[in-house]
């Protein structure tokens, strides 16, 4: 499980918005990200870059797995694992009862 971010969601959204707004004032996107990180007191511009990329994926501007898709995949993997465990239990029970039926009856 990912550790919680020390930055609130509002700050992340503001940083992404600011990068988009100030981008034309800088020679490249990285310079804009560094400036925004410094203005908002974010430790590293890499953090801002990650937020911007994630926002682009969520908006469909960049290929990748959205948060909703990642959560659905995680849920389906857990469900799949649970179904596999249940299937193994049913196989074991079936083998046990089949063996019981093959044994000769002791009642007369």
C-alpha atoms as a PDB file:
ATOM      1  CA  UNK A   1       0.000   0.000   0.000  1.00  0.00           C
ATOM      2  CA  UNK A   2       1.303   3.453  -0.883  1.00  0.00           C
ATOM      3  CA  UNK A   3       2.171   5.786   1.929  1.00  0.00           C
ATOM      4  CA  UNK A   4       0.012   8.885   2.301  1.00  0.00           C
ATOM      5  CA  UNK A   5       1.270  12.062   0.654  1.00  0.00           C
ATOM      6  CA  UNK A   6       2.386  14.908   2.895  1.00  0.00           C
ATOM      7  CA  UNK A   7       0.726  17.263   0.399  1.00  0.00           C
ATOM      8  CA  UNK A   8      -3.042  17.807   0.387  1.00  0.00           C
ATOM      9  CA  UNK A   9      -4.988  17.157  -2.836  1.00  0.00           C
ATOM     10  CA  UNK A  10      -5.783  20.876  -3.162  1.00  0.00           C
ATOM     11  CA  UNK A  11      -2.060  21.670  -3.349  1.00  0.00           C
ATOM     12  CA  UNK A  12      -1.546  18.998  -6.007  1.00  0.00           C
ATOM     13  CA  UNK A  13      -4.382  20.378  -8.120  1.00  0.00           C
ATOM     14  CA  UNK A  14      -3.054  23.923  -7.715  1.00  0.00           C
ATOM     15  CA  UNK A  15       0.466  22.859  -8.733  1.00  0.00           C
ATOM     16  CA  UNK A  16      -0.806  21.107 -11.870  1.00  0.00           C
ATOM     17  CA  UNK A  17      -2.902  24.141 -12.769  1.00  0.00           C
ATOM     18  CA  UNK A  18       0.034  26.487 -12.189  1.00  0.00           C
ATOM     19  CA  UNK A  19       2.366  24.433 -14.400  1.00  0.00           C
ATOM     20  CA  UNK A  20      -0.179  24.631 -17.209  1.00  0.00           C
ATOM     21  CA  UNK A  21      -0.591  28.379 -16.734  1.00  0.00           C
ATOM     22  CA  UNK A  22       3.104  29.329 -16.485  1.00  0.00           C
ATOM     23  CA  UNK A  23       4.446  26.853 -19.052  1.00  0.00           C
ATOM     24  CA  UNK A  24       4.549  29.440 -21.900  1.00  0.00           C
ATOM     25  CA  UNK A  25       6.819  31.665 -19.756  1.00  0.00           C
ATOM     26  CA  UNK A  26       9.592  29.035 -19.563  1.00  0.00           C
ATOM     27  CA  UNK A  27      11.821  27.398 -22.174  1.00  0.00           C
ATOM     28  CA  UNK A  28      10.584  23.922 -21.267  1.00  0.00           C
ATOM     29  CA  UNK A  29       8.102  22.140 -19.057  1.00  0.00           C
ATOM     30  CA  UNK A  30      10.738  21.034 -16.543  1.00  0.00           C
ATOM     31  CA  UNK A  31      11.724  24.655 -15.871  1.00  0.00           C
ATOM     32  CA  UNK A  32       8.071  25.508 -15.247  1.00  0.00           C
ATOM     33  CA  UNK A  33       7.767  22.537 -12.864  1.00  0.00           C
ATOM     34  CA  UNK A  34      10.884  23.601 -10.946  1.00  0.00           C
ATOM     35  CA  UNK A  35       9.529  27.146 -10.578  1.00  0.00           C
ATOM     36  CA  UNK A  36       6.115  25.962  -9.380  1.00  0.00           C
ATOM     37  CA  UNK A  37       7.698  23.551  -6.886  1.00  0.00           C
ATOM     38  CA  UNK A  38       9.834  26.376  -5.483  1.00  0.00           C
ATOM     39  CA  UNK A  39       6.867  28.784  -5.252  1.00  0.00           C
ATOM     40  CA  UNK A  40       4.660  26.257  -3.457  1.00  0.00           C
ATOM     41  CA  UNK A  41       7.364  24.908  -1.145  1.00  0.00           C
ATOM     42  CA  UNK A  42       7.352  21.419  -2.627  1.00  0.00           C
ATOM     43  CA  UNK A  43      10.610  19.606  -1.830  1.00  0.00           C
ATOM     44  CA  UNK A  44      11.386  18.371  -5.329  1.00  0.00           C
ATOM     45  CA  UNK A  45      10.171  19.268  -8.812  1.00  0.00           C
ATOM     46  CA  UNK A  46       9.971  15.532  -9.552  1.00  0.00           C
ATOM     47  CA  UNK A  47       6.921  15.451  -7.283  1.00  0.00           C
ATOM     48  CA  UNK A  48       5.241  18.118  -9.401  1.00  0.00           C
ATOM     49  CA  UNK A  49       6.226  16.250 -12.586  1.00  0.00           C
ATOM     50  CA  UNK A  50       4.558  13.092 -11.249  1.00  0.00           C
ATOM     51  CA  UNK A  51       1.375  15.024 -10.432  1.00  0.00           C
ATOM     52  CA  UNK A  52       1.297  16.633 -13.882  1.00  0.00           C
ATOM     53  CA  UNK A  53       1.768  13.283 -15.652  1.00  0.00           C
ATOM     54  CA  UNK A  54      -0.942  11.655 -13.536  1.00  0.00           C
ATOM     55  CA  UNK A  55      -3.335  14.530 -14.311  1.00  0.00           C
ATOM     56  CA  UNK A  56      -2.587  14.139 -18.029  1.00  0.00           C
ATOM     57  CA  UNK A  57      -3.364  10.411 -17.844  1.00  0.00           C
ATOM     58  CA  UNK A  58      -6.601  11.067 -15.940  1.00  0.00           C
ATOM     59  CA  UNK A  59      -7.614  13.665 -18.567  1.00  0.00           C
ATOM     60  CA  UNK A  60      -6.858  11.243 -21.415  1.00  0.00           C
ATOM     61  CA  UNK A  61      -4.073  13.432 -22.811  1.00  0.00           C
ATOM     62  CA  UNK A  62      -1.413  10.805 -22.176  1.00  0.00           C
ATOM     63  CA  UNK A  63      -1.565   7.011 -22.401  1.00  0.00           C
ATOM     64  CA  UNK A  64      -1.609   5.144 -19.114  1.00  0.00           C
ATOM     65  CA  UNK A  65      -3.810   3.539 -16.486  1.00  0.00           C
ATOM     66  CA  UNK A  66      -6.200   5.913 -14.744  1.00  0.00           C
ATOM     67  CA  UNK A  67      -6.814   5.757 -11.010  1.00  0.00           C
ATOM     68  CA  UNK A  68     -10.264   4.243 -11.551  1.00  0.00           C
ATOM     69  CA  UNK A  69      -8.844   1.567 -13.861  1.00  0.00           C
ATOM     70  CA  UNK A  70      -6.060   0.751 -11.384  1.00  0.00           C
ATOM     71  CA  UNK A  71      -8.596   0.376  -8.564  1.00  0.00           C
ATOM     72  CA  UNK A  72     -10.776  -1.876 -10.729  1.00  0.00           C
ATOM     73  CA  UNK A  73      -7.785  -4.050 -11.652  1.00  0.00           C
ATOM     74  CA  UNK A  74      -6.822  -4.325  -7.981  1.00  0.00           C
ATOM     75  CA  UNK A  75     -10.398  -5.287  -7.034  1.00  0.00           C
ATOM     76  CA  UNK A  76     -10.596  -7.885  -9.807  1.00  0.00           C
ATOM     77  CA  UNK A  77      -7.240  -9.410  -8.820  1.00  0.00           C
ATOM     78  CA  UNK A  78      -8.433  -9.773  -5.224  1.00  0.00           C
ATOM     79  CA  UNK A  79     -11.709 -11.307  -6.387  1.00  0.00           C
ATOM     80  CA  UNK A  80      -9.818 -13.680  -8.689  1.00  0.00           C
ATOM     81  CA  UNK A  81      -7.553 -14.787  -5.824  1.00  0.00           C
ATOM     82  CA  UNK A  82     -10.576 -15.412  -3.582  1.00  0.00           C
ATOM     83  CA  UNK A  83     -12.280 -17.464  -6.302  1.00  0.00           C
ATOM     84  CA  UNK A  84      -9.115 -19.524  -6.801  1.00  0.00           C
ATOM     85  CA  UNK A  85      -8.986 -20.247  -3.036  1.00  0.00           C
ATOM     86  CA  UNK A  86     -12.660 -21.259  -3.035  1.00  0.00           C
ATOM     87  CA  UNK A  87     -12.076 -23.491  -6.062  1.00  0.00           C
ATOM     88  CA  UNK A  88      -9.176 -25.250  -4.322  1.00  0.00           C
ATOM     89  CA  UNK A  89     -11.357 -25.852  -1.250  1.00  0.00           C
ATOM     90  CA  UNK A  90     -14.124 -27.302  -3.418  1.00  0.00           C
ATOM     91  CA  UNK A  91     -11.646 -29.576  -5.238  1.00  0.00           C
ATOM     92  CA  UNK A  92     -10.320 -30.881  -1.928  1.00  0.00           C
ATOM     93  CA  UNK A  93     -13.848 -31.477  -0.602  1.00  0.00           C
ATOM     94  CA  UNK A  94     -14.829 -33.234  -3.817  1.00  0.00           C
ATOM     95  CA  UNK A  95     -11.806 -35.538  -3.606  1.00  0.00           C
ATOM     96  CA  UNK A  96     -12.571 -36.277   0.063  1.00  0.00           C
ATOM     97  CA  UNK A  97     -16.199 -37.178  -0.600  1.00  0.00           C
ATOM     98  CA  UNK A  98     -15.322 -39.211  -3.692  1.00  0.00           C
ATOM     99  CA  UNK A  99     -12.912 -41.249  -1.548  1.00  0.00           C
ATOM    100  CA  UNK A 100     -15.648 -41.740   1.058  1.00  0.00           C
ATOM    101  CA  UNK A 101     -17.998 -43.133  -1.595  1.00  0.00           C
ATOM    102  CA  UNK A 102     -15.346 -45.586  -2.856  1.00  0.00           C
ATOM    103  CA  UNK A 103     -14.824 -47.118   0.594  1.00  0.00           C
ATOM    104  CA  UNK A 104     -16.806 -50.272   1.314  1.00  0.00           C
ATOM    105  CA  UNK A 105     -19.676 -49.784   3.694  1.00  0.00           C
ATOM    106  CA  UNK A 106     -19.160 -51.203   7.199  1.00  0.00           C
ATOM    107  CA  UNK A 107     -22.869 -51.442   7.889  1.00  0.00           C
ATOM    108  CA  UNK A 108     -24.617 -54.774   7.351  1.00  0.00           C
END
